[in-house]
Each structure stands twice: as C-alpha cells, then as structure tokens.
Amino acid sequence: MTDNVLAIVMIFLGLFLVGGVISLIRQGLKIGAAVCALGAAMAITAGVLWR
C-alpha cells in the first residue's frame, strides 16, 4: 500500500513540475525550464518504476 502512495506522489510531483516548465518557458527562462524538465522527467520515471 505504501509503495502505491509513494508512486502516486512522485507522478503528481512530476506533473506539478511540468506545469512549472510551461510557466518558465512562457516567462522566457529557458535554463530554469530545462532544470525543471529534468526534475519532472526523473519524478515521473521514479513514479512509474516504483510501482
């Protein structure tokens, strides 16, 4: 049960960071968007593999 909750939390964190990527791109902060995209990719990957 705990593993599923952690996986869901990681996926939601990744989706939150994807929203941050979109926001940073609109503001013109490409380096920040790249860092945020890397974090989002790692969080979503961790959520998928955790399960």
N, C-alpha and C. Protein backbone atom coordinates (compact mmCIF):
# COMPACT_ATOMS: atom_id res chain seq x y z
N MET A 1 0.82 -1.20 0.00
CA MET A 1 0.00 0.00 0.00
C MET A 1 0.86 1.26 0.00
N THR A 2 1.90 1.28 0.80
CA THR A 2 2.76 2.46 0.89
C THR A 2 3.48 2.72 -0.42
N ASP A 3 3.88 1.65 -1.12
CA ASP A 3 4.57 1.82 -2.38
C ASP A 3 3.68 2.51 -3.41
N ASN A 4 2.41 2.15 -3.44
CA ASN A 4 1.50 2.78 -4.39
C ASN A 4 1.31 4.26 -4.09
N VAL A 5 1.22 4.60 -2.81
CA VAL A 5 1.06 6.01 -2.43
C VAL A 5 2.29 6.80 -2.84
N LEU A 6 3.47 6.27 -2.60
CA LEU A 6 4.69 6.97 -2.98
C LEU A 6 4.80 7.13 -4.50
N ALA A 7 4.38 6.11 -5.23
CA ALA A 7 4.41 6.21 -6.69
C ALA A 7 3.46 7.29 -7.18
N ILE A 8 2.29 7.36 -6.60
CA ILE A 8 1.31 8.38 -6.99
C ILE A 8 1.84 9.77 -6.66
N VAL A 9 2.45 9.91 -5.49
CA VAL A 9 3.02 11.21 -5.09
C VAL A 9 4.11 11.64 -6.07
N MET A 10 4.96 10.70 -6.47
CA MET A 10 6.03 11.04 -7.42
C MET A 10 5.46 11.47 -8.77
N ILE A 11 4.41 10.80 -9.22
CA ILE A 11 3.81 11.18 -10.51
C ILE A 11 3.17 12.56 -10.41
N PHE A 12 2.46 12.84 -9.32
CA PHE A 12 1.87 14.17 -9.15
C PHE A 12 2.95 15.25 -9.04
N LEU A 13 4.06 14.94 -8.38
CA LEU A 13 5.17 15.88 -8.31
C LEU A 13 5.72 16.16 -9.70
N GLY A 14 5.84 15.11 -10.51
CA GLY A 14 6.31 15.28 -11.88
C GLY A 14 5.37 16.15 -12.71
N LEU A 15 4.06 15.94 -12.54
CA LEU A 15 3.09 16.75 -13.27
C LEU A 15 3.12 18.20 -12.80
N PHE A 16 3.33 18.41 -11.51
CA PHE A 16 3.48 19.76 -10.98
C PHE A 16 4.69 20.45 -11.61
N LEU A 17 5.78 19.71 -11.73
CA LEU A 17 6.98 20.28 -12.34
C LEU A 17 6.79 20.54 -13.83
N VAL A 18 5.97 19.74 -14.51
CA VAL A 18 5.67 20.01 -15.92
C VAL A 18 4.95 21.35 -16.04
N GLY A 19 4.06 21.62 -15.11
CA GLY A 19 3.41 22.94 -15.08
C GLY A 19 4.42 24.05 -14.88
N GLY A 20 5.42 23.80 -14.06
CA GLY A 20 6.49 24.77 -13.86
C GLY A 20 7.30 24.99 -15.13
N VAL A 21 7.52 23.93 -15.88
CA VAL A 21 8.24 24.04 -17.16
C VAL A 21 7.47 24.96 -18.10
N ILE A 22 6.17 24.75 -18.20
CA ILE A 22 5.35 25.57 -19.09
C ILE A 22 5.40 27.04 -18.66
N SER A 23 5.29 27.26 -17.35
CA SER A 23 5.34 28.62 -16.83
C SER A 23 6.69 29.29 -17.11
N LEU A 24 7.77 28.56 -16.88
CA LEU A 24 9.10 29.14 -17.10
C LEU A 24 9.36 29.41 -18.57
N ILE A 25 8.86 28.57 -19.45
CA ILE A 25 9.04 28.82 -20.89
C ILE A 25 8.30 30.08 -21.30
N ARG A 26 7.09 30.26 -20.77
CA ARG A 26 6.32 31.48 -21.09
C ARG A 26 7.02 32.75 -20.59
N GLN A 27 7.76 32.62 -19.49
CA GLN A 27 8.48 33.78 -18.96
C GLN A 27 9.82 33.99 -19.65
N GLY A 28 10.23 33.05 -20.48
CA GLY A 28 11.48 33.19 -21.20
C GLY A 28 12.69 32.69 -20.45
N LEU A 29 12.50 31.92 -19.41
CA LEU A 29 13.61 31.40 -18.60
C LEU A 29 13.91 29.97 -19.04
N LYS A 30 14.68 29.85 -20.10
CA LYS A 30 14.91 28.54 -20.71
C LYS A 30 15.79 27.63 -19.85
N ILE A 31 16.76 28.19 -19.15
CA ILE A 31 17.64 27.35 -18.31
C ILE A 31 16.83 26.79 -17.14
N GLY A 32 16.02 27.62 -16.51
CA GLY A 32 15.17 27.16 -15.42
C GLY A 32 14.18 26.11 -15.89
N ALA A 33 13.65 26.29 -17.10
CA ALA A 33 12.71 25.32 -17.65
C ALA A 33 13.41 23.99 -17.91
N ALA A 34 14.65 24.04 -18.36
CA ALA A 34 15.39 22.80 -18.62
C ALA A 34 15.66 22.04 -17.32
N VAL A 35 16.02 22.77 -16.27
CA VAL A 35 16.27 22.13 -14.97
C VAL A 35 14.97 21.54 -14.43
N CYS A 36 13.90 22.27 -14.55
CA CYS A 36 12.60 21.81 -14.07
C CYS A 36 12.13 20.60 -14.89
N ALA A 37 12.40 20.60 -16.18
CA ALA A 37 12.02 19.48 -17.04
C ALA A 37 12.80 18.23 -16.66
N LEU A 38 14.06 18.40 -16.30
CA LEU A 38 14.86 17.26 -15.86
C LEU A 38 14.28 16.67 -14.57
N GLY A 39 13.93 17.53 -13.64
CA GLY A 39 13.30 17.06 -12.41
C GLY A 39 11.97 16.38 -12.65
N ALA A 40 11.18 16.93 -13.57
CA ALA A 40 9.89 16.33 -13.89
C ALA A 40 10.07 14.95 -14.51
N ALA A 41 11.02 14.83 -15.41
CA ALA A 41 11.27 13.53 -16.04
C ALA A 41 11.72 12.50 -15.02
N MET A 42 12.58 12.92 -14.09
CA MET A 42 13.06 11.98 -13.07
C MET A 42 11.93 11.58 -12.12
N ALA A 43 11.07 12.53 -11.74
CA ALA A 43 9.98 12.23 -10.81
C ALA A 43 8.96 11.30 -11.46
N ILE A 44 8.60 11.54 -12.71
CA ILE A 44 7.63 10.68 -13.38
C ILE A 44 8.23 9.29 -13.60
N THR A 45 9.49 9.23 -13.98
CA THR A 45 10.14 7.94 -14.15
C THR A 45 10.18 7.17 -12.84
N ALA A 46 10.50 7.86 -11.76
CA ALA A 46 10.55 7.20 -10.45
C ALA A 46 9.17 6.69 -10.06
N GLY A 47 8.14 7.49 -10.34
CA GLY A 47 6.77 7.06 -10.01
C GLY A 47 6.34 5.85 -10.80
N VAL A 48 6.71 5.78 -12.05
CA VAL A 48 6.34 4.64 -12.89
C VAL A 48 7.12 3.40 -12.49
N LEU A 49 8.41 3.55 -12.23
CA LEU A 49 9.23 2.40 -11.89
C LEU A 49 9.03 1.93 -10.44
N TRP A 50 8.57 2.82 -9.57
CA TRP A 50 8.39 2.47 -8.17
C TRP A 50 7.33 1.41 -8.01
N ARG A 51 6.34 1.46 -8.85
CA ARG A 51 5.21 0.56 -8.77
C ARG A 51 5.62 -0.79 -9.22
